Amino acid sequence: MNVVRRVGLALLAPAIALVVAAIISAFVILAIGEDPLVALRELVNFGDNSASQMQAVAVILNRAIPLFLAGLAVSIGFRMGLFNIGVEGQYRLATIMAAWVGTAVVLPRPVQLLLIIVVAMAVGAIWAGIAGILKVTRGVSEVISTIMLNFIAIGLASYLLTGPFRGTPEGSLTVATEDLPESGRLPGLNGVMASLGLAEPRSELYGFLIPAIVVGVLVAILVKRTRFGFDLKASGLNPTAATASGVNARAMVVKAMLLSGALAGLIGLPDLVGDTYHYGTEFTSGLGFLGIAVALLGRNNPLGIAFGALLFGFLDRAALSLQFAGIPSQVVTIIQGTIVLAVVIANEVARRIAIRQAERTGANLPTARPAAGEQQATVVQ
């Protein structure tokens, strides 16, 4: 019964958030003079044939992969009470460095891809580690330092893109690095879908889906089944008690930021090695900030983060369909923002319910009967 109750409380917050977001969004759509039922129909319209439906699925998954990685990166900090707001800068700087290294050398494909991944994770970890070191050595809030590092990273990436790493000629409409060689490109999964008897989508399903799943499983094991995960949570809940029990809370801050930054370094790779093959002015931005929303929606659980990423990918895909129906695409942004706000409120409600039930259960527990010797001592007194 306790397990069922815990699962119910875990699902309560996202369920309430989705319902509240749907109601508020419906009122917003009504306020702009549109029909909420039309918007709902466009949201769930995947097309009338298998090819269109698989195309919609591919678009959702391609959008969800980097959001899932962003949510994982943010969740590591959240588990320790750290707010890594710098994921945006970390992944953008990591991606341009990985793109440059990937074009500087040509190796066999597995080695080339591994090199690109290692470089991206290393750059992200180093950039996030700066904030961790500042926090433990000088007491600088990681919120302030990561926000400032965001500006530095984005500015540095812009300088590298327009200067030393530029691969496009002067006068081009877009500025980008050189394209990755064939050995640095990860094949898509459309062939796998065809072998399973599914219709091939027009867009290529990113092959980085498989590494993202592997990363999610590894993170789930790390935070839930290892000593590191226990120390991470304990240091976040009560650093003083964790230190008293032998955990180096200061070192855990640096380790958590390094791991969070390493995961952030992976965010731009699905696009880099699976679609654009370069980093340029049109490269997708804002994924780091969306990762905060995805992590909140998933309650820092890798499986929940996966569902949150899929939900945001589903909503982003619907933006174009809503425009065709005459509904502003900004409605999607309103829905996403409403979901995040509702999740924060619902999580707090669920937490208070859980505390109240725990207190009620503790109050109803029978008191232990004193031993025979204690009863005799009481009588003598």
Protein backbone atom coordinates (compact mmCIF):
# COMPACT_ATOMS: atom_id res chain seq x y z
CA MET A 1 0.00 0.00 0.00
CA ASN A 2 2.89 2.35 0.85
CA VAL A 3 4.45 1.72 -2.56
CA VAL A 4 1.16 2.50 -4.31
CA ARG A 5 0.80 5.67 -2.27
CA ARG A 6 4.34 6.83 -3.11
CA VAL A 7 3.81 6.16 -6.80
CA GLY A 8 0.49 7.99 -6.67
CA LEU A 9 2.09 11.03 -5.05
CA ALA A 10 4.91 10.95 -7.61
CA LEU A 11 2.39 11.00 -10.47
CA LEU A 12 0.09 13.51 -8.79
CA ALA A 13 2.18 16.62 -9.48
CA PRO A 14 2.68 16.07 -13.24
CA ALA A 15 -0.97 15.08 -13.66
CA ILE A 16 -2.23 18.18 -11.87
CA ALA A 17 0.22 20.34 -13.82
CA LEU A 18 -0.97 19.04 -17.18
CA VAL A 19 -4.63 19.50 -16.29
CA VAL A 20 -4.10 23.04 -14.99
CA ALA A 21 -1.95 23.93 -18.01
CA ALA A 22 -4.63 22.62 -20.37
CA ILE A 23 -7.36 24.66 -18.64
CA ILE A 24 -5.33 27.89 -18.58
CA SER A 25 -4.24 27.41 -22.20
CA ALA A 26 -7.84 26.89 -23.25
CA PHE A 27 -8.80 30.21 -21.65
CA VAL A 28 -5.86 31.92 -23.38
CA ILE A 29 -6.95 30.56 -26.76
CA LEU A 30 -10.50 31.71 -26.09
CA ALA A 31 -9.21 35.14 -25.10
CA ILE A 32 -7.53 35.60 -28.51
CA GLY A 33 -10.74 34.64 -30.27
CA GLU A 34 -9.82 31.09 -31.34
CA ASP A 35 -11.42 27.72 -30.66
CA PRO A 36 -9.56 25.52 -28.10
CA LEU A 37 -10.99 22.39 -29.74
CA VAL A 38 -9.36 23.36 -33.04
CA ALA A 39 -6.05 23.83 -31.23
CA LEU A 40 -6.44 20.43 -29.57
CA ARG A 41 -7.17 18.80 -32.91
CA GLU A 42 -4.02 20.31 -34.41
CA LEU A 43 -1.96 19.22 -31.44
CA VAL A 44 -2.87 15.56 -31.92
CA ASN A 45 -2.98 15.63 -35.73
CA PHE A 46 -0.12 13.42 -36.93
CA GLY A 47 -1.33 13.15 -40.50
CA ASP A 48 -3.61 10.77 -42.37
CA ASN A 49 -0.99 8.28 -43.62
CA SER A 50 1.82 6.25 -42.11
CA ALA A 51 4.58 8.33 -43.73
CA SER A 52 3.23 11.55 -42.22
CA GLN A 53 2.76 9.91 -38.85
CA MET A 54 6.32 8.58 -38.78
CA GLN A 55 7.57 12.01 -39.86
CA ALA A 56 5.80 13.53 -36.84
CA VAL A 57 7.32 10.89 -34.58
CA ALA A 58 10.81 11.59 -35.98
CA VAL A 59 10.42 15.34 -35.45
CA ILE A 60 9.28 14.81 -31.85
CA LEU A 61 12.14 12.43 -31.05
CA ASN A 62 14.75 14.65 -32.70
CA ARG A 63 13.56 17.56 -30.59
CA ALA A 64 13.30 15.46 -27.42
CA ILE A 65 16.85 14.02 -27.55
CA PRO A 66 18.74 17.27 -26.74
CA LEU A 67 16.01 18.31 -24.29
CA PHE A 68 16.41 14.98 -22.48
CA LEU A 69 20.17 15.50 -22.20
CA ALA A 70 19.61 19.07 -21.01
CA GLY A 71 17.17 17.87 -18.37
CA LEU A 72 19.68 15.26 -17.15
CA ALA A 73 22.40 17.90 -16.89
CA VAL A 74 20.20 20.21 -14.83
CA SER A 75 18.87 17.38 -12.64
CA ILE A 76 22.33 16.46 -11.36
CA GLY A 77 22.69 19.90 -9.84
CA PHE A 78 19.12 19.91 -8.57
CA ARG A 79 19.72 16.66 -6.68
CA MET A 80 22.35 18.42 -4.63
CA GLY A 81 20.49 21.67 -4.29
CA LEU A 82 22.65 23.36 -6.94
CA PHE A 83 21.18 25.48 -9.73
CA ASN A 84 23.31 25.05 -12.82
CA ILE A 85 21.85 27.91 -14.85
CA GLY A 86 24.91 27.80 -17.11
CA VAL A 87 23.91 24.76 -19.17
CA GLU A 88 23.17 27.08 -22.11
CA GLY A 89 26.70 28.42 -22.29
CA GLN A 90 28.28 25.07 -21.49
CA TYR A 91 26.71 23.20 -24.39
CA ARG A 92 27.25 25.96 -26.92
CA LEU A 93 30.94 26.33 -26.10
CA ALA A 94 31.33 22.55 -25.97
CA THR A 95 29.65 22.12 -29.35
CA ILE A 96 31.82 24.62 -31.20
CA MET A 97 34.97 23.12 -29.69
CA ALA A 98 33.83 19.61 -30.64
CA ALA A 99 33.02 20.82 -34.16
CA TRP A 100 36.49 22.34 -34.53
CA VAL A 101 38.31 19.27 -33.21
CA GLY A 102 36.13 17.04 -35.39
CA THR A 103 37.28 18.87 -38.51
CA ALA A 104 40.92 19.16 -37.43
CA VAL A 105 41.60 15.42 -37.59
CA VAL A 106 40.25 12.51 -39.60
CA LEU A 107 40.13 9.13 -37.86
CA PRO A 108 38.13 5.92 -38.26
CA ARG A 109 34.44 6.66 -37.58
CA PRO A 110 34.13 5.05 -34.11
CA VAL A 111 37.30 6.79 -32.91
CA GLN A 112 36.32 10.10 -34.54
CA LEU A 113 32.87 10.08 -32.95
CA LEU A 114 34.33 9.10 -29.58
CA LEU A 115 36.82 11.96 -29.82
CA ILE A 116 34.03 14.45 -30.58
CA ILE A 117 31.99 13.19 -27.62
CA VAL A 118 34.96 13.27 -25.22
CA VAL A 119 35.93 16.82 -26.26
CA ALA A 120 32.36 18.07 -25.83
CA MET A 121 32.01 16.49 -22.39
CA ALA A 122 35.43 17.74 -21.27
CA VAL A 123 34.74 21.35 -22.33
CA GLY A 124 31.31 21.32 -20.68
CA ALA A 125 32.74 19.83 -17.47
CA ILE A 126 35.59 22.36 -17.30
CA TRP A 127 33.26 25.31 -17.84
CA ALA A 128 30.81 24.11 -15.19
CA GLY A 129 33.67 23.18 -12.85
CA ILE A 130 34.70 26.84 -12.69
CA ALA A 131 31.42 27.64 -10.92
CA GLY A 132 31.88 24.69 -8.57
CA ILE A 133 35.39 25.77 -7.59
CA LEU A 134 34.25 29.36 -7.04
CA LYS A 135 31.49 28.12 -4.75
CA VAL A 136 33.66 25.96 -2.49
CA THR A 137 36.68 28.28 -2.38
CA ARG A 138 35.08 31.73 -2.33
CA GLY A 139 31.44 31.06 -1.50
CA VAL A 140 30.21 32.48 -4.81
CA SER A 141 26.62 31.47 -5.55
CA GLU A 142 26.52 29.04 -8.46
CA VAL A 143 23.44 30.85 -9.77
CA ILE A 144 25.36 34.11 -10.22
CA SER A 145 28.56 32.51 -11.49
CA THR A 146 26.85 30.26 -14.03
CA ILE A 147 24.76 33.15 -15.37
CA MET A 148 27.90 35.24 -15.81
CA LEU A 149 29.74 32.29 -17.37
CA ASN A 150 26.84 31.97 -19.82
CA PHE A 151 27.59 35.41 -21.23
CA ILE A 152 31.30 34.68 -21.40
CA ALA A 153 30.78 31.30 -23.10
CA ILE A 154 28.33 32.66 -25.67
CA GLY A 155 30.60 35.60 -26.41
CA LEU A 156 33.64 33.34 -26.69
CA ALA A 157 31.77 30.98 -29.00
CA SER A 158 30.75 33.93 -31.18
CA TYR A 159 34.34 35.15 -31.37
CA LEU A 160 35.64 31.69 -32.31
CA LEU A 161 32.89 31.25 -34.90
CA THR A 162 33.57 34.54 -36.66
CA GLY A 163 37.33 34.30 -36.20
CA PRO A 164 39.66 31.31 -35.85
CA PHE A 165 37.03 28.58 -36.40
CA ARG A 166 35.18 30.17 -39.31
CA GLY A 167 34.73 27.78 -42.21
CA THR A 168 32.47 29.78 -44.54
CA PRO A 169 33.79 32.49 -46.90
CA GLU A 170 33.25 36.19 -46.33
CA GLY A 171 29.87 37.41 -47.58
CA SER A 172 28.03 34.15 -46.83
CA LEU A 173 24.47 34.42 -45.53
CA THR A 174 25.41 32.25 -42.56
CA VAL A 175 28.62 31.90 -40.58
CA ALA A 176 29.63 28.36 -39.66
CA THR A 177 32.56 26.11 -38.96
CA GLU A 178 33.76 23.64 -41.56
CA ASP A 179 31.56 20.58 -42.09
CA LEU A 180 32.55 17.42 -40.28
CA PRO A 181 34.11 14.71 -42.45
CA GLU A 182 32.11 11.55 -43.11
CA SER A 183 33.89 9.80 -40.25
CA GLY A 184 32.48 12.38 -37.84
CA ARG A 185 28.85 11.90 -38.87
CA LEU A 186 26.56 9.52 -37.02
CA PRO A 187 24.18 7.64 -39.35
CA GLY A 188 20.46 8.06 -38.76
CA LEU A 189 17.98 5.39 -37.75
CA ASN A 190 15.62 5.52 -40.74
CA GLY A 191 17.08 2.28 -42.03
CA VAL A 192 16.31 0.61 -38.73
CA MET A 193 12.72 1.82 -38.92
CA ALA A 194 12.42 0.46 -42.47
CA SER A 195 13.78 -2.92 -41.37
CA LEU A 196 11.04 -3.03 -38.74
CA GLY A 197 8.39 -2.54 -41.42
CA LEU A 198 7.71 1.08 -40.53
CA ALA A 199 7.37 3.86 -43.06
CA GLU A 200 10.50 5.99 -43.43
CA PRO A 201 10.04 9.64 -42.39
CA ARG A 202 11.23 12.47 -44.63
CA SER A 203 13.57 13.69 -41.91
CA GLU A 204 16.37 11.49 -40.66
CA LEU A 205 15.84 10.19 -37.13
CA TYR A 206 18.99 11.09 -35.20
CA GLY A 207 21.29 8.18 -34.50
CA PHE A 208 22.22 9.94 -31.24
CA LEU A 209 18.98 8.55 -29.84
CA ILE A 210 20.84 5.38 -28.85
CA PRO A 211 23.70 7.12 -26.99
CA ALA A 212 21.13 9.34 -25.26
CA ILE A 213 19.25 6.29 -23.98
CA VAL A 214 22.52 4.75 -22.76
CA VAL A 215 23.43 7.99 -20.97
CA GLY A 216 19.99 8.09 -19.34
CA VAL A 217 20.33 4.52 -18.05
CA LEU A 218 23.84 5.19 -16.72
CA VAL A 219 22.71 8.36 -14.94
CA ALA A 220 19.74 6.50 -13.41
CA ILE A 221 22.06 3.80 -12.07
CA LEU A 222 24.59 6.35 -10.86
CA VAL A 223 22.15 8.47 -8.84
CA LYS A 224 20.00 5.63 -7.51
CA ARG A 225 22.25 2.58 -7.13
CA THR A 226 25.71 3.86 -6.22
CA ARG A 227 27.46 5.43 -3.27
CA PHE A 228 28.08 8.55 -5.35
CA GLY A 229 24.33 9.02 -5.82
CA PHE A 230 23.73 8.61 -2.09
CA ASP A 231 26.48 11.09 -1.22
CA LEU A 232 25.09 13.50 -3.81
CA LYS A 233 21.62 13.48 -2.29
CA ALA A 234 22.88 13.51 1.30
CA SER A 235 25.14 16.49 0.64
CA GLY A 236 22.23 18.36 -0.87
CA LEU A 237 19.79 17.60 1.94
CA ASN A 238 22.16 18.39 4.83
CA PRO A 239 25.82 19.19 4.12
CA THR A 240 26.68 19.30 7.82
CA ALA A 241 25.23 15.86 8.53
CA ALA A 242 26.84 14.48 5.37
CA THR A 243 30.23 15.81 6.45
CA ALA A 244 29.77 14.31 9.92
CA SER A 245 29.10 10.92 8.31
CA GLY A 246 32.31 11.05 6.30
CA VAL A 247 31.15 12.66 3.06
CA ASN A 248 33.28 15.50 1.69
CA ALA A 249 30.43 17.90 0.87
CA ARG A 250 32.73 20.49 -0.67
CA ALA A 251 34.23 17.94 -3.04
CA MET A 252 30.73 16.75 -3.94
CA VAL A 253 29.83 20.26 -5.07
CA VAL A 254 32.71 20.26 -7.55
CA LYS A 255 31.97 16.69 -8.67
CA ALA A 256 28.29 17.47 -9.20
CA MET A 257 29.10 20.53 -11.30
CA LEU A 258 31.67 18.60 -13.34
CA LEU A 259 29.17 15.83 -14.05
CA SER A 260 26.41 18.31 -14.84
CA GLY A 261 28.68 20.17 -17.24
CA ALA A 262 29.84 16.95 -18.90
CA LEU A 263 26.23 16.00 -19.62
CA ALA A 264 25.56 19.55 -20.84
CA GLY A 265 28.36 19.13 -23.35
CA LEU A 266 26.36 16.40 -25.08
CA ILE A 267 23.30 18.58 -25.77
CA GLY A 268 24.45 19.99 -29.10
CA LEU A 269 25.86 16.74 -30.48
CA PRO A 270 22.61 15.25 -31.87
CA ASP A 271 22.38 18.23 -34.27
CA LEU A 272 26.12 18.44 -34.88
CA VAL A 273 26.83 14.81 -35.82
CA GLY A 274 23.35 13.93 -37.07
CA ASP A 275 22.04 16.90 -39.04
CA THR A 276 23.99 20.14 -39.61
CA TYR A 277 27.53 18.68 -39.33
CA HIS A 278 28.79 22.14 -38.32
CA TYR A 279 28.25 24.83 -35.70
CA GLY A 280 26.90 28.10 -37.06
CA THR A 281 24.79 31.15 -36.41
CA GLU A 282 21.63 29.09 -37.06
CA PHE A 283 22.53 26.46 -34.47
CA THR A 284 19.70 25.70 -32.03
CA SER A 285 19.84 27.87 -28.91
CA GLY A 286 17.83 27.99 -25.69
CA LEU A 287 18.07 24.26 -24.97
CA GLY A 288 19.83 24.86 -21.66
CA PHE A 289 16.99 26.95 -20.27
CA LEU A 290 14.37 24.50 -21.55
CA GLY A 291 16.30 21.76 -19.76
CA ILE A 292 15.41 23.41 -16.44
CA ALA A 293 11.72 23.10 -17.29
CA VAL A 294 12.13 19.50 -18.43
CA ALA A 295 13.99 18.57 -15.23
CA LEU A 296 11.27 20.17 -13.11
CA LEU A 297 8.56 18.35 -15.03
CA GLY A 298 10.39 15.04 -14.65
CA ARG A 299 11.07 15.66 -10.93
CA ASN A 300 14.79 14.96 -11.49
CA ASN A 301 14.04 11.34 -12.34
CA PRO A 302 15.65 10.19 -15.63
CA LEU A 303 12.47 8.38 -16.70
CA GLY A 304 10.34 11.38 -15.81
CA ILE A 305 12.76 13.65 -17.66
CA ALA A 306 12.38 11.46 -20.74
CA PHE A 307 8.59 11.89 -20.64
CA GLY A 308 9.01 15.64 -20.07
CA ALA A 309 11.33 15.92 -23.07
CA LEU A 310 8.85 14.02 -25.24
CA LEU A 311 6.03 16.30 -24.11
CA PHE A 312 8.00 19.42 -24.99
CA GLY A 313 9.02 17.87 -28.32
CA PHE A 314 5.36 17.08 -28.99
CA LEU A 315 4.35 20.68 -28.26
CA ASP A 316 7.16 22.17 -30.36
CA ARG A 317 6.15 20.04 -33.34
CA ALA A 318 2.61 21.37 -33.10
CA ALA A 319 3.68 25.04 -33.38
CA LEU A 320 3.69 24.97 -37.20
CA SER A 321 0.36 23.12 -37.36
CA LEU A 322 -1.23 25.74 -35.11
CA GLN A 323 -0.01 28.51 -37.40
CA PHE A 324 -1.64 26.81 -40.39
CA ALA A 325 -4.88 26.73 -38.39
CA GLY A 326 -4.65 30.47 -37.74
CA ILE A 327 -3.60 30.11 -34.10
CA PRO A 328 -0.38 31.93 -33.07
CA SER A 329 2.52 29.59 -32.46
CA GLN A 330 3.24 31.51 -29.24
CA VAL A 331 0.40 29.49 -27.72
CA VAL A 332 2.89 26.61 -27.47
CA THR A 333 5.24 28.79 -25.43
CA ILE A 334 2.35 29.77 -23.16
CA ILE A 335 1.46 26.11 -22.65
CA GLN A 336 5.07 25.21 -21.83
CA GLY A 337 5.42 28.08 -19.38
CA THR A 338 2.12 27.21 -17.74
CA ILE A 339 3.21 23.59 -17.36
CA VAL A 340 6.42 24.62 -15.60
CA LEU A 341 4.60 26.97 -13.22
CA ALA A 342 1.94 24.37 -12.50
CA VAL A 343 4.58 21.69 -11.86
CA VAL A 344 6.36 23.85 -9.28
CA ILE A 345 3.10 24.48 -7.43
CA ALA A 346 1.91 20.87 -7.73
CA ASN A 347 5.25 19.51 -6.50
CA GLU A 348 4.98 21.67 -3.41
CA VAL A 349 1.40 20.48 -2.80
CA ALA A 350 2.47 16.84 -3.20
CA ARG A 351 5.41 17.38 -0.84
CA ARG A 352 3.18 18.84 1.85
CA ILE A 353 0.69 15.99 1.48
CA ALA A 354 3.49 13.47 1.85
CA ILE A 355 4.82 15.22 4.99
CA ARG A 356 1.34 15.39 6.50
CA GLN A 357 0.71 11.70 5.84
CA ALA A 358 4.10 10.80 7.33
CA GLU A 359 3.32 12.83 10.45
CA ARG A 360 -0.12 11.23 10.73
CA THR A 361 1.37 7.76 10.35
CA GLY A 362 3.98 8.50 13.01
CA ALA A 363 1.33 9.82 15.42
CA ASN A 364 -0.75 6.65 15.04
CA LEU A 365 2.13 4.28 15.75
CA PRO A 366 1.68 2.38 19.08
CA THR A 367 4.19 3.28 21.77
CA ALA A 368 6.56 0.54 22.80
CA ARG A 369 5.70 -1.30 26.03
CA PRO A 370 8.40 -0.97 28.71
CA ALA A 371 10.38 -4.03 29.65
CA ALA A 372 9.67 -5.96 32.85
CA GLY A 373 12.59 -4.37 34.66
CA GLU A 374 11.38 -0.91 33.69
CA GLN A 375 7.85 -1.68 34.94
CA GLN A 376 9.23 -2.80 38.27
CA ALA A 377 11.35 0.33 38.61
CA THR A 378 8.29 2.46 37.90
CA VAL A 379 6.28 0.70 40.61
CA VAL A 380 9.06 1.12 43.16
CA GLN A 381 9.28 4.82 42.39
